[in-house]
Amino acid sequence: MLVGFRWQTGRVPDRDLLVISEEPLNAETKLDQQRGSTVPAGRHYVRTHFGTPEGPREVWIDGEVRAPRGVTVEEVRTLPSRTVVVTLECAGNGRKFLNPPVPGEQWGLGAVGTAEWTGAPLHSVVERAWLPSAVAVLFRGADEGTPKDLGRRIAYERSLPIDIASGDDILVAYAMNGQPIPREHGGPLRVVVPGWYGMASVKWLAEIRVLDRPFEGFFQKDRYVIDGRPLRGIEPRAVITSPRDGADVGGGSVEVRGYAWSGRAPLDRVELKADGERELGAMKVSSDAARFAWHQFVFRIYLDPGEHDLVARAIDSDDNTQPLTPRWNSLGYANNAVRATRIRVRG
């Protein structure tokens, strides 16, 4: 049990989050208060589609496998483990900045967080027991509800192609930052899919089903798609966390801090510009930096007195680049356009 937390109704009384909705709970990381490379559980963003359930302590494995069986939390803990630092981001992060507005949770830029996740690789949990006919692996969470535009009760379900599901970094996780996964974050067992938007990392894991055909459920085909194309890798993004938008700062040297990440490819660099054109600097990311984690950037710059718009822009190693203007879509996904931070420099 994580010290300082009381798990009763799925809420954390002493959490420090920007709450978007209470029922179901959706809340942002306060990025302007974030320090360090990982986010404590009580400050890490929370995405919930339905009510917060009691996660089961046994996961049922069936479908295209040699023999269906159940696996308990205790059994998963006995398997060889991996610990990966992973940035998870909701696909709707940045939705509230789209114009015209779109439905859904009106996330700002804080539907993102980074934690150290520990668990067993999925393929070792399933013991590579899937049959040659397997094409996808479906994960079903214990959370259930009735989406407004569906009209019937369903569980939250998402799948991965078999080639992705068989990778060493796809985890059935039981620990977050070295402690049992808190209930709000999907404990006792959840899936963690590094590099993909958070919809793939199913919480409160109840069932793993190996399929002989692609999954076509609601959260696979009707949601988390853009123009019918399912979302996968996280688009590159850089966010300035200090100074805050609207800040009044002293003249002379100004320190600009923030975080940048990309799931589609390793982050390559972060560029900082002022007032639309003037380049203030670029930070190159080390080639041995954590592959799936965000990276902190710090620039020390000098600005003349007056108002200035600062823009940080992320570029990954495949040249995926943050767009300068939003790419609108009807569900408001993957809006990773740059956001200017306006500050006033005193004389």
Protein backbone atom coordinates (compact mmCIF):
# COMPACT_ATOMS: atom_id res chain seq x y z
CA MET A 1 0.00 0.00 0.00
CA LEU A 2 1.37 3.39 -0.97
CA VAL A 3 2.13 5.49 2.11
CA GLY A 4 -0.28 8.40 2.60
CA PHE A 5 -3.09 6.94 0.47
CA ARG A 6 -6.41 5.54 1.69
CA TRP A 7 -8.12 3.40 -0.93
CA GLN A 8 -11.86 3.45 -0.24
CA THR A 9 -14.02 4.54 -3.16
CA GLY A 10 -11.35 4.92 -5.82
CA ARG A 11 -10.44 8.43 -4.70
CA VAL A 12 -7.27 9.74 -3.16
CA PRO A 13 -8.17 12.37 -0.54
CA ASP A 14 -4.70 13.91 -0.61
CA ARG A 15 -4.11 13.78 -4.35
CA ASP A 16 -2.70 16.88 -5.99
CA LEU A 17 -4.29 16.95 -9.44
CA LEU A 18 -6.27 19.28 -11.68
CA VAL A 19 -9.63 17.49 -11.71
CA ILE A 20 -11.59 17.56 -14.99
CA SER A 21 -14.42 15.31 -13.76
CA GLU A 22 -15.07 13.43 -10.52
CA GLU A 23 -17.43 10.70 -11.79
CA PRO A 24 -15.75 9.11 -13.60
CA LEU A 25 -12.47 10.49 -12.33
CA ASN A 26 -10.38 12.30 -14.93
CA ALA A 27 -7.60 14.56 -13.72
CA GLU A 28 -4.44 16.20 -15.03
CA THR A 29 -0.88 16.29 -13.78
CA LYS A 30 -0.01 19.81 -12.64
CA LEU A 31 2.97 20.14 -14.93
CA ASP A 32 3.96 23.55 -13.60
CA GLN A 33 4.53 21.93 -10.19
CA GLN A 34 6.34 18.85 -11.52
CA ARG A 35 9.99 18.34 -10.65
CA GLY A 36 12.19 15.39 -11.55
CA SER A 37 11.87 12.64 -14.11
CA THR A 38 8.98 10.65 -12.60
CA VAL A 39 5.60 11.67 -11.20
CA PRO A 40 4.34 10.37 -7.82
CA ALA A 41 1.13 8.34 -8.05
CA GLY A 42 -0.96 11.04 -6.37
CA ARG A 43 0.16 13.61 -8.97
CA HIS A 44 0.11 11.39 -12.08
CA TYR A 45 -2.80 12.04 -14.44
CA VAL A 46 -5.81 9.73 -14.23
CA ARG A 47 -8.03 8.64 -17.14
CA THR A 48 -11.21 6.74 -16.35
CA HIS A 49 -13.97 5.80 -18.81
CA PHE A 50 -16.44 4.37 -16.28
CA GLY A 51 -16.51 4.02 -12.50
CA THR A 52 -13.37 2.87 -10.71
CA PRO A 53 -13.71 -0.88 -10.04
CA GLU A 54 -11.98 -3.24 -7.66
CA GLY A 55 -9.34 -4.81 -9.85
CA PRO A 56 -9.39 -8.63 -9.81
CA ARG A 57 -6.47 -10.55 -8.33
CA GLU A 58 -6.69 -13.20 -11.04
CA VAL A 59 -6.60 -12.70 -14.80
CA TRP A 60 -8.25 -15.25 -17.06
CA ILE A 61 -6.32 -16.21 -20.24
CA ASP A 62 -8.25 -17.82 -23.09
CA GLY A 63 -8.90 -17.81 -26.83
CA GLU A 64 -6.30 -19.05 -29.28
CA VAL A 65 -4.14 -20.66 -26.60
CA ARG A 66 -3.15 -24.24 -25.87
CA ALA A 67 -5.08 -24.30 -22.60
CA PRO A 68 -7.20 -21.58 -20.92
CA ARG A 69 -6.16 -20.80 -17.38
CA GLY A 70 -6.14 -18.18 -14.66
CA VAL A 71 -3.03 -16.38 -13.42
CA THR A 72 -2.91 -14.57 -10.08
CA VAL A 73 -1.10 -11.42 -9.03
CA GLU A 74 1.19 -13.58 -6.92
CA GLU A 75 2.05 -15.78 -9.90
CA VAL A 76 2.85 -12.77 -12.08
CA ARG A 77 5.20 -11.51 -9.36
CA THR A 78 7.18 -14.78 -9.48
CA LEU A 79 7.99 -14.36 -13.18
CA PRO A 80 11.15 -12.60 -14.44
CA SER A 81 10.41 -8.89 -14.26
CA ARG A 82 11.27 -5.76 -16.20
CA THR A 83 11.19 -2.15 -15.01
CA VAL A 84 10.64 0.52 -17.67
CA VAL A 85 10.31 4.28 -17.26
CA VAL A 86 7.30 5.16 -19.41
CA THR A 87 5.52 8.37 -20.31
CA LEU A 88 1.79 7.71 -20.70
CA GLU A 89 -0.31 10.35 -22.43
CA CYS A 90 -4.05 10.42 -23.04
CA ALA A 91 -4.90 10.61 -26.74
CA GLY A 92 -7.17 13.56 -25.92
CA ASN A 93 -4.43 15.67 -24.36
CA GLY A 94 -4.72 19.20 -25.78
CA ARG A 95 -8.33 18.69 -26.88
CA LYS A 96 -9.64 21.90 -25.33
CA PHE A 97 -7.48 24.00 -27.64
CA LEU A 98 -9.22 22.80 -30.82
CA ASN A 99 -11.48 25.17 -32.72
CA PRO A 100 -14.27 24.48 -33.44
CA PRO A 101 -14.65 22.63 -30.12
CA VAL A 102 -15.12 18.86 -30.06
CA PRO A 103 -16.83 16.60 -27.50
CA GLY A 104 -15.01 14.62 -24.84
CA GLU A 105 -13.00 15.48 -21.74
CA GLN A 106 -11.60 18.96 -22.18
CA TRP A 107 -7.99 18.18 -21.41
CA GLY A 108 -5.41 20.94 -21.34
CA LEU A 109 -1.79 19.78 -21.54
CA GLY A 110 -1.60 17.80 -18.29
CA ALA A 111 -3.11 14.47 -19.39
CA VAL A 112 0.40 13.03 -19.29
CA GLY A 113 2.69 11.56 -16.67
CA THR A 114 5.83 9.49 -16.33
CA ALA A 115 6.35 6.63 -13.92
CA GLU A 116 8.58 3.63 -13.37
CA TRP A 117 6.50 0.54 -14.15
CA THR A 118 7.49 -2.95 -13.06
CA GLY A 119 5.92 -6.17 -14.28
CA ALA A 120 6.34 -9.33 -16.28
CA PRO A 121 6.47 -9.23 -20.09
CA LEU A 122 3.11 -10.21 -21.51
CA HIS A 123 4.57 -13.08 -23.50
CA SER A 124 5.91 -14.68 -20.32
CA VAL A 125 2.52 -14.34 -18.58
CA VAL A 126 0.83 -16.08 -21.49
CA GLU A 127 3.88 -18.38 -21.73
CA ARG A 128 3.86 -17.84 -25.49
CA ALA A 129 0.96 -20.28 -25.44
CA TRP A 130 -0.82 -18.63 -28.33
CA LEU A 131 -1.46 -20.82 -31.32
CA PRO A 132 -0.16 -20.18 -34.86
CA SER A 133 -3.64 -18.82 -35.70
CA ALA A 134 -3.17 -15.87 -33.27
CA VAL A 135 -3.28 -12.43 -34.86
CA ALA A 136 -4.12 -10.15 -31.90
CA VAL A 137 -4.29 -10.07 -28.11
CA LEU A 138 -7.34 -8.52 -26.46
CA PHE A 139 -7.25 -7.03 -22.96
CA ARG A 140 -10.45 -6.57 -20.98
CA GLY A 141 -10.59 -4.36 -17.93
CA ALA A 142 -12.89 -4.82 -14.95
CA ASP A 143 -14.37 -1.36 -15.59
CA GLU A 144 -17.79 -1.41 -17.25
CA GLY A 145 -20.40 1.15 -18.25
CA THR A 146 -22.72 2.43 -20.96
CA PRO A 147 -21.23 4.95 -23.42
CA LYS A 148 -23.78 7.66 -24.23
CA ASP A 149 -23.81 6.98 -27.96
CA LEU A 150 -23.77 3.17 -27.72
CA GLY A 151 -26.78 2.45 -25.53
CA ARG A 152 -25.58 -0.78 -23.99
CA ARG A 153 -23.24 -1.81 -21.22
CA ILE A 154 -19.73 -2.87 -22.19
CA ALA A 155 -16.34 -3.38 -20.59
CA TYR A 156 -13.30 -1.34 -21.56
CA GLU A 157 -11.41 -3.46 -24.10
CA ARG A 158 -8.45 -2.85 -26.39
CA SER A 159 -6.23 -5.14 -28.44
CA LEU A 160 -2.67 -5.24 -29.78
CA PRO A 161 -1.43 -6.93 -32.95
CA ILE A 162 0.43 -10.13 -32.12
CA ASP A 163 3.78 -8.74 -33.33
CA ILE A 164 3.50 -5.84 -30.87
CA ALA A 165 2.10 -7.98 -28.05
CA SER A 166 5.06 -10.35 -28.22
CA GLY A 167 7.61 -7.59 -27.51
CA ASP A 168 9.66 -7.63 -24.29
CA ASP A 169 8.47 -4.16 -23.22
CA ILE A 170 4.73 -4.95 -23.21
CA LEU A 171 4.15 -5.44 -19.49
CA VAL A 172 1.57 -6.95 -17.21
CA ALA A 173 2.52 -4.48 -14.49
CA TYR A 174 2.05 -4.74 -10.73
CA ALA A 175 4.21 -1.87 -9.44
CA MET A 176 4.31 1.88 -10.04
CA ASN A 177 7.38 3.75 -8.82
CA GLY A 178 8.35 0.71 -6.75
CA GLN A 179 5.00 0.35 -4.94
CA PRO A 180 1.86 -1.71 -5.66
CA ILE A 181 -0.16 0.03 -8.36
CA PRO A 182 -2.81 2.24 -6.71
CA ARG A 183 -6.42 1.55 -7.55
CA GLU A 184 -6.90 4.76 -9.54
CA HIS A 185 -4.00 3.74 -11.77
CA GLY A 186 -5.36 0.29 -12.55
CA GLY A 187 -4.03 -1.96 -9.78
CA PRO A 188 -3.47 -4.64 -8.86
CA LEU A 189 -2.60 -5.58 -12.49
CA ARG A 190 -2.65 -3.45 -15.62
CA VAL A 191 -1.12 -3.46 -19.06
CA VAL A 192 1.62 -0.97 -19.94
CA VAL A 193 2.34 -0.40 -23.64
CA PRO A 194 5.36 1.93 -23.91
CA GLY A 195 5.28 4.49 -26.71
CA TRP A 196 1.54 4.17 -27.40
CA TYR A 197 -1.20 6.53 -26.28
CA GLY A 198 -2.66 5.54 -22.92
CA MET A 199 -5.78 3.86 -24.34
CA ALA A 200 -3.65 0.78 -25.09
CA SER A 201 -2.52 0.37 -21.46
CA VAL A 202 -5.67 -1.32 -20.13
CA LYS A 203 -6.26 -0.89 -16.38
CA TRP A 204 -7.79 -3.32 -13.84
CA LEU A 205 -6.83 -6.23 -16.07
CA ALA A 206 -9.44 -9.00 -15.89
CA GLU A 207 -8.98 -11.05 -19.06
CA ILE A 208 -6.41 -11.68 -21.78
CA ARG A 209 -7.93 -13.23 -24.88
CA VAL A 210 -5.82 -14.32 -27.85
CA LEU A 211 -7.75 -13.75 -31.11
CA ASP A 212 -7.61 -15.28 -34.58
CA ARG A 213 -8.92 -12.08 -36.18
CA PRO A 214 -8.63 -8.32 -35.53
CA PHE A 215 -10.75 -6.96 -32.69
CA GLU A 216 -13.57 -4.60 -33.70
CA GLY A 217 -15.01 -3.46 -30.37
CA PHE A 218 -16.23 0.05 -29.53
CA PHE A 219 -12.95 1.36 -28.10
CA GLN A 220 -11.03 -0.10 -31.03
CA LYS A 221 -13.12 0.99 -34.03
CA ASP A 222 -15.42 3.80 -32.85
CA ARG A 223 -13.05 5.55 -30.43
CA TYR A 224 -9.34 6.27 -30.49
CA VAL A 225 -9.31 6.56 -34.25
CA ILE A 226 -8.69 9.46 -36.63
CA ASP A 227 -10.56 9.14 -39.93
CA GLY A 228 -10.95 5.43 -39.26
CA ARG A 229 -7.24 4.92 -38.57
CA PRO A 230 -6.52 3.48 -35.10
CA LEU A 231 -4.18 5.53 -32.97
CA ARG A 232 -0.83 4.05 -32.01
CA GLY A 233 2.39 5.92 -31.23
CA ILE A 234 2.41 9.14 -29.21
CA GLU A 235 3.09 12.19 -31.35
CA PRO A 236 6.06 14.40 -30.33
CA ARG A 237 5.31 17.21 -27.89
CA ALA A 238 7.21 19.77 -25.85
CA VAL A 239 5.58 21.69 -22.99
CA ILE A 240 7.06 24.70 -21.20
CA THR A 241 6.37 24.37 -17.47
CA SER A 242 8.33 27.41 -16.23
CA PRO A 243 7.82 30.31 -16.48
CA ARG A 244 4.06 29.92 -16.47
CA ASP A 245 1.88 31.47 -19.13
CA GLY A 246 1.21 35.09 -18.16
CA ALA A 247 4.21 35.28 -15.81
CA ASP A 248 5.90 38.59 -15.02
CA VAL A 249 9.65 37.96 -14.81
CA GLY A 250 12.64 40.06 -13.95
CA GLY A 251 14.86 41.46 -16.65
CA GLY A 252 18.05 39.85 -17.85
CA SER A 253 18.49 36.11 -17.76
CA VAL A 254 15.34 33.94 -17.95
CA GLU A 255 15.34 30.21 -17.27
CA VAL A 256 12.91 28.22 -19.42
CA ARG A 257 12.08 24.66 -18.29
CA GLY A 258 9.83 21.92 -19.52
CA TYR A 259 9.35 18.37 -20.72
CA ALA A 260 9.40 16.82 -24.19
CA TRP A 261 8.61 13.34 -25.45
CA SER A 262 7.67 11.18 -28.44
CA GLY A 263 6.38 7.64 -28.68
CA ARG A 264 6.70 7.22 -32.42
CA ALA A 265 10.50 7.34 -32.33
CA PRO A 266 13.22 8.36 -29.86
CA LEU A 267 13.17 12.08 -29.13
CA ASP A 268 15.99 13.84 -31.00
CA ARG A 269 15.88 17.51 -29.99
CA VAL A 270 13.87 20.40 -28.59
CA GLU A 271 13.95 23.84 -30.20
CA LEU A 272 13.03 27.08 -28.45
CA LYS A 273 11.87 30.18 -30.29
CA ALA A 274 10.57 33.59 -29.28
CA ASP A 275 7.96 35.75 -30.97
CA GLY A 276 7.37 33.41 -33.88
CA GLU A 277 10.75 33.53 -35.55
CA ARG A 278 13.76 34.18 -33.34
CA GLU A 279 15.53 30.94 -32.45
CA LEU A 280 16.86 30.99 -28.90
CA GLY A 281 18.47 27.56 -28.80
CA ALA A 282 18.15 23.83 -29.32
CA MET A 283 18.75 20.93 -26.95
CA LYS A 284 19.99 17.64 -28.38
CA VAL A 285 18.80 14.50 -26.56
CA SER A 286 21.45 11.95 -25.65
CA SER A 287 21.31 8.75 -27.70
CA ASP A 288 21.37 6.66 -24.52
CA ALA A 289 18.43 8.50 -22.89
CA ALA A 290 15.43 6.46 -21.74
CA ARG A 291 13.55 5.43 -24.89
CA PHE A 292 9.97 5.70 -23.62
CA ALA A 293 10.29 8.52 -21.06
CA TRP A 294 9.93 12.26 -21.36
CA HIS A 295 13.05 14.42 -21.16
CA GLN A 296 13.53 17.59 -19.19
CA PHE A 297 14.86 20.62 -21.03
CA VAL A 298 16.37 23.79 -19.62
CA PHE A 299 17.29 26.93 -21.58
CA ARG A 300 18.94 30.04 -20.16
CA ILE A 301 17.98 32.94 -22.42
CA TYR A 302 18.14 36.74 -22.51
CA LEU A 303 15.13 38.79 -23.57
CA ASP A 304 14.56 42.51 -23.93
CA PRO A 305 11.91 44.15 -21.71
CA GLY A 306 8.36 43.73 -22.93
CA GLU A 307 6.02 40.89 -23.84
CA HIS A 308 7.30 37.76 -25.53
CA ASP A 309 5.78 34.50 -26.81
CA LEU A 310 7.97 31.47 -26.14
CA VAL A 311 7.45 28.25 -28.10
CA ALA A 312 9.17 24.90 -27.51
CA ARG A 313 9.00 22.36 -30.32
CA ALA A 314 9.87 18.63 -30.21
CA ILE A 315 11.39 16.64 -33.09
CA ASP A 316 12.08 12.91 -32.94
CA SER A 317 14.69 10.80 -34.71
CA ASP A 318 12.29 9.97 -37.56
CA ASP A 319 11.76 13.71 -38.13
CA ASN A 320 8.23 13.63 -36.75
CA THR A 321 7.83 17.28 -35.78
CA GLN A 322 5.32 19.12 -33.63
CA PRO A 323 3.01 21.08 -35.93
CA LEU A 324 2.70 24.82 -35.56
CA THR A 325 -1.09 24.71 -35.88
CA PRO A 326 -3.65 22.14 -34.62
CA ARG A 327 -4.71 19.26 -36.86
CA TRP A 328 -8.45 19.17 -36.19
CA ASN A 329 -10.43 15.92 -36.07
CA SER A 330 -13.96 15.21 -34.89
CA LEU A 331 -12.93 13.35 -31.72
CA GLY A 332 -10.10 15.69 -30.77
CA TYR A 333 -7.26 13.18 -30.66
CA ALA A 334 -3.50 13.69 -30.93
CA ASN A 335 -3.59 17.49 -30.91
CA ASN A 336 0.13 17.99 -30.33
CA ALA A 337 0.38 21.48 -31.85
CA VAL A 338 2.81 23.85 -30.13
CA ARG A 339 1.40 26.15 -27.44
CA ALA A 340 2.93 29.56 -26.89
CA THR A 341 3.81 30.74 -23.38
CA ARG A 342 3.41 34.51 -23.10
CA ILE A 343 5.58 36.27 -20.53
CA ARG A 344 6.34 39.87 -19.64
CA VAL A 345 9.95 40.83 -18.98
CA ARG A 346 10.35 43.79 -16.67
CA GLY A 347 12.79 46.55 -17.54
